[in-house]
Amino acid sequence: MTVFSRTVRSLALLLTLAASPALPASGPPPGFKLSDDADFAFTSPDGATRLEQYVKEGEDFDIKWQVWARRGEQMQELKPEQLYPAGFRFTADSQWLVRMQKTGSGEQDLFLYHVENGAFVNATEQSLSDLAWAYFHSRPDTKNMKLDYHISANLMKGTENAYRWLGVDWPNNRYLLISLSGEMDEHPKNVAVKGLANWRCRYDLKTGQFDVPEMFAKGNAAALRWEIKR
């Protein structure tokens, strides 16, 4: 083989490696330790996936948490990395996963994942909570409501059995029910706390659209008027 041929083959190999996707990490990076709190571990209904949460404690209370999905011998990080541990709920078919992520005192975000090619991936470009709030602010009856703190998106219980406890007969693995809450800085002097309390909407996993079932209309109207007087 000529020097020229070897050079061409070497260049081709380098280009191939550069174009190849990086192999997934096999586990958390150095410094992260598996939490021994049983409440931070979750298993999918089909038993194929176990979620493990790892924590790294740095100086000046610099704490970081990572979530890793273990499927057999494979491990995959569920991004993003956060400052707190999270709660999780699967759909009954184990194909969808919602992360209930504390972000601060009285505040929470939601992230949605979906199984593709045997691994969980982010199902939406924005967080599920950001999408829910965008829907809230797009509606004529709620678009002008400004919240300042304790802003929280919560996943209602019942994901695993299609919310049968509400008396509905919805398809399995189709909908997520989300409740939104938050508080305002400005309110009358005779009011201690004012804001939004458990305003509910529904997310369709099939279409990626939000709506508000009629059964929530009365409760949502009250949620918009929530306050605690002094």
C-alpha atoms as a PDB file:
ATOM      1  CA  MET A   1       0.000   0.000   0.000  1.00  0.00           C
ATOM      2  CA  THR A   2       1.374   3.406  -0.974  1.00  0.00           C
ATOM      3  CA  VAL A   3       1.818   6.284   1.430  1.00  0.00           C
ATOM      4  CA  PHE A   4      -0.876   8.156  -0.492  1.00  0.00           C
ATOM      5  CA  SER A   5      -3.336   5.255  -0.092  1.00  0.00           C
ATOM      6  CA  ARG A   6      -2.689   4.985   3.623  1.00  0.00           C
ATOM      7  CA  THR A   7      -3.187   8.732   3.997  1.00  0.00           C
ATOM      8  CA  VAL A   8      -6.505   8.582   2.156  1.00  0.00           C
ATOM      9  CA  ARG A   9      -7.712   5.657   4.291  1.00  0.00           C
ATOM     10  CA  SER A  10      -6.656   7.398   7.516  1.00  0.00           C
ATOM     11  CA  LEU A  11      -8.437  10.573   6.481  1.00  0.00           C
ATOM     12  CA  ALA A  12     -11.566   8.613   5.616  1.00  0.00           C
ATOM     13  CA  LEU A  13     -11.507   6.920   9.023  1.00  0.00           C
ATOM     14  CA  LEU A  14     -11.155  10.233  10.836  1.00  0.00           C
ATOM     15  CA  LEU A  15     -14.066  11.693   8.896  1.00  0.00           C
ATOM     16  CA  THR A  16     -16.191   8.652   9.693  1.00  0.00           C
ATOM     17  CA  LEU A  17     -15.458   8.909  13.410  1.00  0.00           C
ATOM     18  CA  ALA A  18     -16.202  12.612  13.404  1.00  0.00           C
ATOM     19  CA  ALA A  19     -19.559  11.990  11.753  1.00  0.00           C
ATOM     20  CA  SER A  20     -20.524   9.114  14.044  1.00  0.00           C
ATOM     21  CA  PRO A  21     -22.780   9.857  17.025  1.00  0.00           C
ATOM     22  CA  ALA A  22     -21.155   9.653  20.422  1.00  0.00           C
ATOM     23  CA  LEU A  23     -21.869   6.505  22.387  1.00  0.00           C
ATOM     24  CA  PRO A  24     -24.189   7.050  25.353  1.00  0.00           C
ATOM     25  CA  ALA A  25     -22.623   7.348  28.764  1.00  0.00           C
ATOM     26  CA  SER A  26     -22.638   4.149  30.818  1.00  0.00           C
ATOM     27  CA  GLY A  27     -23.471   5.848  34.094  1.00  0.00           C
ATOM     28  CA  PRO A  28     -23.180   9.014  36.172  1.00  0.00           C
ATOM     29  CA  PRO A  29     -19.876  10.925  36.143  1.00  0.00           C
ATOM     30  CA  PRO A  30     -17.395  10.839  39.039  1.00  0.00           C
ATOM     31  CA  GLY A  31     -18.594  12.466  42.234  1.00  0.00           C
ATOM     32  CA  PHE A  32     -22.243  11.460  41.871  1.00  0.00           C
ATOM     33  CA  LYS A  33     -23.519   8.941  44.421  1.00  0.00           C
ATOM     34  CA  LEU A  34     -26.699   6.874  44.267  1.00  0.00           C
ATOM     35  CA  SER A  35     -29.265   8.168  46.757  1.00  0.00           C
ATOM     36  CA  ASP A  36     -30.168   5.609  49.416  1.00  0.00           C
ATOM     37  CA  ASP A  37     -33.641   7.136  49.845  1.00  0.00           C
ATOM     38  CA  ALA A  38     -36.141   4.536  48.614  1.00  0.00           C
ATOM     39  CA  ASP A  39     -38.627   7.303  47.769  1.00  0.00           C
ATOM     40  CA  PHE A  40     -36.280   8.517  45.026  1.00  0.00           C
ATOM     41  CA  ALA A  41     -36.300   5.209  43.088  1.00  0.00           C
ATOM     42  CA  PHE A  42     -39.048   4.346  40.590  1.00  0.00           C
ATOM     43  CA  THR A  43     -39.800   1.296  38.441  1.00  0.00           C
ATOM     44  CA  SER A  44     -41.928   1.239  35.282  1.00  0.00           C
ATOM     45  CA  PRO A  45     -45.139  -0.861  35.315  1.00  0.00           C
ATOM     46  CA  ASP A  46     -43.588  -3.415  32.936  1.00  0.00           C
ATOM     47  CA  GLY A  47     -40.547  -3.716  35.189  1.00  0.00           C
ATOM     48  CA  ALA A  48     -38.127  -2.948  32.345  1.00  0.00           C
ATOM     49  CA  THR A  49     -36.961   0.471  33.547  1.00  0.00           C
ATOM     50  CA  ARG A  50     -35.694   1.536  36.934  1.00  0.00           C
ATOM     51  CA  LEU A  51     -35.081   5.206  37.638  1.00  0.00           C
ATOM     52  CA  GLU A  52     -32.152   6.001  39.915  1.00  0.00           C
ATOM     53  CA  GLN A  53     -31.271   9.434  41.301  1.00  0.00           C
ATOM     54  CA  TYR A  54     -27.678  10.425  41.961  1.00  0.00           C
ATOM     55  CA  VAL A  55     -26.486  13.392  44.003  1.00  0.00           C
ATOM     56  CA  LYS A  56     -23.232  15.344  44.042  1.00  0.00           C
ATOM     57  CA  GLU A  57     -22.522  17.674  46.941  1.00  0.00           C
ATOM     58  CA  GLY A  58     -20.033  20.450  46.335  1.00  0.00           C
ATOM     59  CA  GLU A  59     -18.857  23.418  48.352  1.00  0.00           C
ATOM     60  CA  ASP A  60     -21.155  26.225  49.496  1.00  0.00           C
ATOM     61  CA  PHE A  61     -24.246  23.999  49.287  1.00  0.00           C
ATOM     62  CA  ASP A  62     -23.675  23.399  45.585  1.00  0.00           C
ATOM     63  CA  ILE A  63     -25.831  20.287  45.180  1.00  0.00           C
ATOM     64  CA  LYS A  64     -26.624  18.666  41.839  1.00  0.00           C
ATOM     65  CA  TRP A  65     -28.983  15.813  41.037  1.00  0.00           C
ATOM     66  CA  GLN A  66     -29.018  13.550  38.001  1.00  0.00           C
ATOM     67  CA  VAL A  67     -31.648  10.984  37.029  1.00  0.00           C
ATOM     68  CA  TRP A  68     -30.565   7.814  35.241  1.00  0.00           C
ATOM     69  CA  ALA A  69     -32.823   5.226  33.631  1.00  0.00           C
ATOM     70  CA  ARG A  70     -31.486   1.687  33.943  1.00  0.00           C
ATOM     71  CA  ARG A  71     -32.736  -0.849  31.368  1.00  0.00           C
ATOM     72  CA  GLY A  72     -30.847  -4.105  31.752  1.00  0.00           C
ATOM     73  CA  GLU A  73     -27.157  -3.276  31.477  1.00  0.00           C
ATOM     74  CA  GLN A  74     -27.803   0.061  29.758  1.00  0.00           C
ATOM     75  CA  MET A  75     -27.995   3.383  31.598  1.00  0.00           C
ATOM     76  CA  GLN A  76     -29.222   6.670  30.182  1.00  0.00           C
ATOM     77  CA  GLU A  77     -29.436  10.110  31.773  1.00  0.00           C
ATOM     78  CA  LEU A  78     -32.794  11.847  31.770  1.00  0.00           C
ATOM     79  CA  LYS A  79     -31.906  15.493  31.302  1.00  0.00           C
ATOM     80  CA  PRO A  80     -31.872  18.160  32.557  1.00  0.00           C
ATOM     81  CA  GLU A  81     -29.636  18.013  35.621  1.00  0.00           C
ATOM     82  CA  GLN A  82     -31.337  19.747  38.559  1.00  0.00           C
ATOM     83  CA  LEU A  83     -30.792  21.090  42.086  1.00  0.00           C
ATOM     84  CA  TYR A  84     -33.389  18.810  43.712  1.00  0.00           C
ATOM     85  CA  PRO A  85     -34.561  15.202  43.449  1.00  0.00           C
ATOM     86  CA  ALA A  86     -37.741  14.520  41.481  1.00  0.00           C
ATOM     87  CA  GLY A  87     -40.896  12.426  41.502  1.00  0.00           C
ATOM     88  CA  PHE A  88     -42.051  10.357  38.527  1.00  0.00           C
ATOM     89  CA  ARG A  89     -45.168   8.759  37.082  1.00  0.00           C
ATOM     90  CA  PHE A  90     -45.415   6.334  34.161  1.00  0.00           C
ATOM     91  CA  THR A  91     -48.373   5.618  31.917  1.00  0.00           C
ATOM     92  CA  ALA A  92     -49.729   2.072  32.196  1.00  0.00           C
ATOM     93  CA  ASP A  93     -47.942   0.930  29.027  1.00  0.00           C
ATOM     94  CA  SER A  94     -44.583   2.225  30.360  1.00  0.00           C
ATOM     95  CA  GLN A  95     -44.089   4.252  27.158  1.00  0.00           C
ATOM     96  CA  TRP A  96     -44.532   7.716  28.673  1.00  0.00           C
ATOM     97  CA  LEU A  97     -42.907   9.201  31.753  1.00  0.00           C
ATOM     98  CA  VAL A  98     -43.558  12.485  33.568  1.00  0.00           C
ATOM     99  CA  ARG A  99     -40.936  14.038  35.807  1.00  0.00           C
ATOM    100  CA  MET A 100     -42.264  16.197  38.640  1.00  0.00           C
ATOM    101  CA  GLN A 101     -39.282  18.399  39.342  1.00  0.00           C
ATOM    102  CA  LYS A 102     -39.024  20.699  42.346  1.00  0.00           C
ATOM    103  CA  THR A 103     -37.224  23.898  41.347  1.00  0.00           C
ATOM    104  CA  GLY A 104     -37.507  25.935  44.544  1.00  0.00           C
ATOM    105  CA  SER A 105     -39.676  26.581  47.570  1.00  0.00           C
ATOM    106  CA  GLY A 106     -43.241  25.815  46.516  1.00  0.00           C
ATOM    107  CA  GLU A 107     -42.290  25.681  42.837  1.00  0.00           C
ATOM    108  CA  GLN A 108     -42.276  22.776  40.392  1.00  0.00           C
ATOM    109  CA  ASP A 109     -41.773  22.029  36.695  1.00  0.00           C
ATOM    110  CA  LEU A 110     -42.887  19.055  34.621  1.00  0.00           C
ATOM    111  CA  PHE A 111     -40.849  17.222  31.984  1.00  0.00           C
ATOM    112  CA  LEU A 112     -42.229  14.641  29.562  1.00  0.00           C
ATOM    113  CA  TYR A 113     -40.295  11.669  28.170  1.00  0.00           C
ATOM    114  CA  HIS A 114     -41.238   8.994  25.627  1.00  0.00           C
ATOM    115  CA  VAL A 115     -39.688   5.651  24.731  1.00  0.00           C
ATOM    116  CA  GLU A 116     -38.073   5.636  21.278  1.00  0.00           C
ATOM    117  CA  ASN A 117     -35.870   2.790  20.061  1.00  0.00           C
ATOM    118  CA  GLY A 118     -35.833   1.311  23.542  1.00  0.00           C
ATOM    119  CA  ALA A 119     -34.727   4.479  25.354  1.00  0.00           C
ATOM    120  CA  PHE A 120     -36.457   7.434  26.985  1.00  0.00           C
ATOM    121  CA  VAL A 121     -36.073  10.756  25.156  1.00  0.00           C
ATOM    122  CA  ASN A 122     -37.477  14.222  25.780  1.00  0.00           C
ATOM    123  CA  ALA A 123     -40.914  14.203  24.178  1.00  0.00           C
ATOM    124  CA  THR A 124     -41.193  17.999  23.857  1.00  0.00           C
ATOM    125  CA  GLU A 125     -38.685  20.722  23.025  1.00  0.00           C
ATOM    126  CA  GLN A 126     -39.944  22.853  25.913  1.00  0.00           C
ATOM    127  CA  SER A 127     -40.771  21.479  29.328  1.00  0.00           C
ATOM    128  CA  LEU A 128     -44.315  20.189  29.707  1.00  0.00           C
ATOM    129  CA  SER A 129     -44.926  22.827  32.374  1.00  0.00           C
ATOM    130  CA  ASP A 130     -43.834  25.637  30.035  1.00  0.00           C
ATOM    131  CA  LEU A 131     -46.283  24.339  27.434  1.00  0.00           C
ATOM    132  CA  ALA A 132     -49.064  24.195  30.013  1.00  0.00           C
ATOM    133  CA  TRP A 133     -48.407  27.765  31.134  1.00  0.00           C
ATOM    134  CA  ALA A 134     -48.288  28.922  27.508  1.00  0.00           C
ATOM    135  CA  TYR A 135     -51.715  27.358  27.002  1.00  0.00           C
ATOM    136  CA  PHE A 136     -52.986  29.029  30.180  1.00  0.00           C
ATOM    137  CA  HIS A 137     -51.818  32.451  28.983  1.00  0.00           C
ATOM    138  CA  SER A 138     -53.281  31.895  25.495  1.00  0.00           C
ATOM    139  CA  ARG A 139     -56.860  31.668  26.749  1.00  0.00           C
ATOM    140  CA  PRO A 140     -59.106  34.764  26.827  1.00  0.00           C
ATOM    141  CA  ASP A 141     -60.185  34.123  30.420  1.00  0.00           C
ATOM    142  CA  THR A 142     -56.679  33.654  31.832  1.00  0.00           C
ATOM    143  CA  LYS A 143     -54.220  35.442  29.546  1.00  0.00           C
ATOM    144  CA  ASN A 144     -53.960  38.582  31.693  1.00  0.00           C
ATOM    145  CA  MET A 145     -53.283  36.844  35.004  1.00  0.00           C
ATOM    146  CA  LYS A 146     -49.779  37.638  36.274  1.00  0.00           C
ATOM    147  CA  LEU A 147     -48.209  35.377  38.891  1.00  0.00           C
ATOM    148  CA  ASP A 148     -45.007  36.220  40.739  1.00  0.00           C
ATOM    149  CA  TYR A 149     -43.920  33.338  42.974  1.00  0.00           C
ATOM    150  CA  HIS A 150     -44.724  29.789  44.145  1.00  0.00           C
ATOM    151  CA  ILE A 151     -45.371  29.039  40.484  1.00  0.00           C
ATOM    152  CA  SER A 152     -46.028  25.333  40.209  1.00  0.00           C
ATOM    153  CA  ALA A 153     -47.238  22.809  37.633  1.00  0.00           C
ATOM    154  CA  ASN A 154     -48.446  19.540  39.118  1.00  0.00           C
ATOM    155  CA  LEU A 155     -49.369  16.205  37.575  1.00  0.00           C
ATOM    156  CA  MET A 156     -52.642  14.970  39.006  1.00  0.00           C
ATOM    157  CA  LYS A 157     -52.740  11.421  40.342  1.00  0.00           C
ATOM    158  CA  GLY A 158     -54.261   8.755  38.118  1.00  0.00           C
ATOM    159  CA  THR A 159     -51.841   8.642  35.187  1.00  0.00           C
ATOM    160  CA  GLU A 160     -51.482   4.865  35.485  1.00  0.00           C
ATOM    161  CA  ASN A 161     -55.227   4.098  35.255  1.00  0.00           C
ATOM    162  CA  ALA A 162     -56.494   6.884  32.970  1.00  0.00           C
ATOM    163  CA  TYR A 163     -57.955   8.890  35.889  1.00  0.00           C
ATOM    164  CA  ARG A 164     -60.769   6.439  36.566  1.00  0.00           C
ATOM    165  CA  TRP A 165     -61.106   7.914  40.072  1.00  0.00           C
ATOM    166  CA  LEU A 166     -62.663  10.984  38.448  1.00  0.00           C
ATOM    167  CA  GLY A 167     -65.435   8.846  36.960  1.00  0.00           C
ATOM    168  CA  VAL A 168     -64.219   9.288  33.373  1.00  0.00           C
ATOM    169  CA  ASP A 169     -63.893   6.647  30.666  1.00  0.00           C
ATOM    170  CA  TRP A 170     -60.915   7.953  28.715  1.00  0.00           C
ATOM    171  CA  PRO A 171     -58.579   5.734  26.650  1.00  0.00           C
ATOM    172  CA  ASN A 172     -55.593   4.299  28.496  1.00  0.00           C
ATOM    173  CA  ASN A 173     -52.204   5.985  27.983  1.00  0.00           C
ATOM    174  CA  ARG A 174     -53.776   8.987  26.236  1.00  0.00           C
ATOM    175  CA  TYR A 175     -54.143  11.950  28.598  1.00  0.00           C
ATOM    176  CA  LEU A 176     -52.275  13.779  31.349  1.00  0.00           C
ATOM    177  CA  LEU A 177     -54.088  16.050  33.796  1.00  0.00           C
ATOM    178  CA  ILE A 178     -52.120  19.063  34.978  1.00  0.00           C
ATOM    179  CA  SER A 179     -52.971  21.606  37.668  1.00  0.00           C
ATOM    180  CA  LEU A 180     -51.372  25.053  37.756  1.00  0.00           C
ATOM    181  CA  SER A 181     -50.868  27.266  40.794  1.00  0.00           C
ATOM    182  CA  GLY A 182     -49.084  30.476  41.749  1.00  0.00           C
ATOM    183  CA  GLU A 183     -49.282  33.594  43.890  1.00  0.00           C
ATOM    184  CA  MET A 184     -49.225  37.348  43.315  1.00  0.00           C
ATOM    185  CA  ASP A 185     -47.154  40.101  44.898  1.00  0.00           C
ATOM    186  CA  GLU A 186     -49.945  42.664  44.632  1.00  0.00           C
ATOM    187  CA  HIS A 187     -53.263  42.161  46.392  1.00  0.00           C
ATOM    188  CA  PRO A 188     -55.664  44.135  48.632  1.00  0.00           C
ATOM    189  CA  LYS A 189     -54.501  44.976  52.159  1.00  0.00           C
ATOM    190  CA  ASN A 190     -57.192  42.792  53.705  1.00  0.00           C
ATOM    191  CA  VAL A 191     -55.907  39.775  51.751  1.00  0.00           C
ATOM    192  CA  ALA A 192     -52.925  37.757  52.989  1.00  0.00           C
ATOM    193  CA  VAL A 193     -52.430  35.640  49.866  1.00  0.00           C
ATOM    194  CA  LYS A 194     -53.962  35.857  46.408  1.00  0.00           C
ATOM    195  CA  GLY A 195     -53.326  33.959  43.202  1.00  0.00           C
ATOM    196  CA  LEU A 196     -54.186  30.828  41.273  1.00  0.00           C
ATOM    197  CA  ALA A 197     -55.030  27.543  42.992  1.00  0.00           C
ATOM    198  CA  ASN A 198     -55.209  24.259  41.084  1.00  0.00           C
ATOM    199  CA  TRP A 199     -56.381  25.440  37.678  1.00  0.00           C
ATOM    200  CA  ARG A 200     -56.731  22.222  35.665  1.00  0.00           C
ATOM    201  CA  CYS A 201     -56.146  21.331  32.043  1.00  0.00           C
ATOM    202  CA  ARG A 202     -55.660  18.164  29.989  1.00  0.00           C
ATOM    203  CA  TYR A 203     -52.758  17.259  27.691  1.00  0.00           C
ATOM    204  CA  ASP A 204     -53.316  14.809  24.826  1.00  0.00           C
ATOM    205  CA  LEU A 205     -50.265  12.568  24.365  1.00  0.00           C
ATOM    206  CA  LYS A 206     -51.455  11.611  20.877  1.00  0.00           C
ATOM    207  CA  THR A 207     -51.958  15.102  19.443  1.00  0.00           C
ATOM    208  CA  GLY A 208     -49.772  17.232  21.716  1.00  0.00           C
ATOM    209  CA  GLN A 209     -52.694  19.599  22.355  1.00  0.00           C
ATOM    210  CA  PHE A 210     -54.226  21.020  25.531  1.00  0.00           C
ATOM    211  CA  ASP A 211     -57.872  21.466  26.414  1.00  0.00           C
ATOM    212  CA  VAL A 212     -60.090  21.974  29.458  1.00  0.00           C
ATOM    213  CA  PRO A 213     -62.774  19.308  29.926  1.00  0.00           C
ATOM    214  CA  GLU A 214     -66.163  20.717  30.893  1.00  0.00           C
ATOM    215  CA  MET A 215     -65.967  18.899  34.225  1.00  0.00           C
ATOM    216  CA  PHE A 216     -63.235  21.367  35.299  1.00  0.00           C
ATOM    217  CA  ALA A 217     -65.056  24.586  34.339  1.00  0.00           C
ATOM    218  CA  LYS A 218     -66.549  25.356  37.755  1.00  0.00           C
ATOM    219  CA  GLY A 219     -63.386  24.495  39.664  1.00  0.00           C
ATOM    220  CA  ASN A 220     -61.227  26.548  37.307  1.00  0.00           C
ATOM    221  CA  ALA A 221     -63.437  29.594  37.747  1.00  0.00           C
ATOM    222  CA  ALA A 222     -62.939  29.305  41.500  1.00  0.00           C
ATOM    223  CA  ALA A 223     -59.190  28.751  41.036  1.00  0.00           C
ATOM    224  CA  LEU A 224     -58.916  32.169  39.378  1.00  0.00           C
ATOM    225  CA  ARG A 225     -60.521  33.875  42.373  1.00  0.00           C
ATOM    226  CA  TRP A 226     -58.484  32.122  45.078  1.00  0.00           C
ATOM    227  CA  GLU A 227     -57.399  34.222  48.040  1.00  0.00           C
ATOM    228  CA  ILE A 228     -56.865  33.982  51.782  1.00  0.00           C
ATOM    229  CA  LYS A 229     -58.062  36.990  53.731  1.00  0.00           C
ATOM    230  CA  ARG A 230     -56.336  38.324  56.817  1.00  0.00           C
END
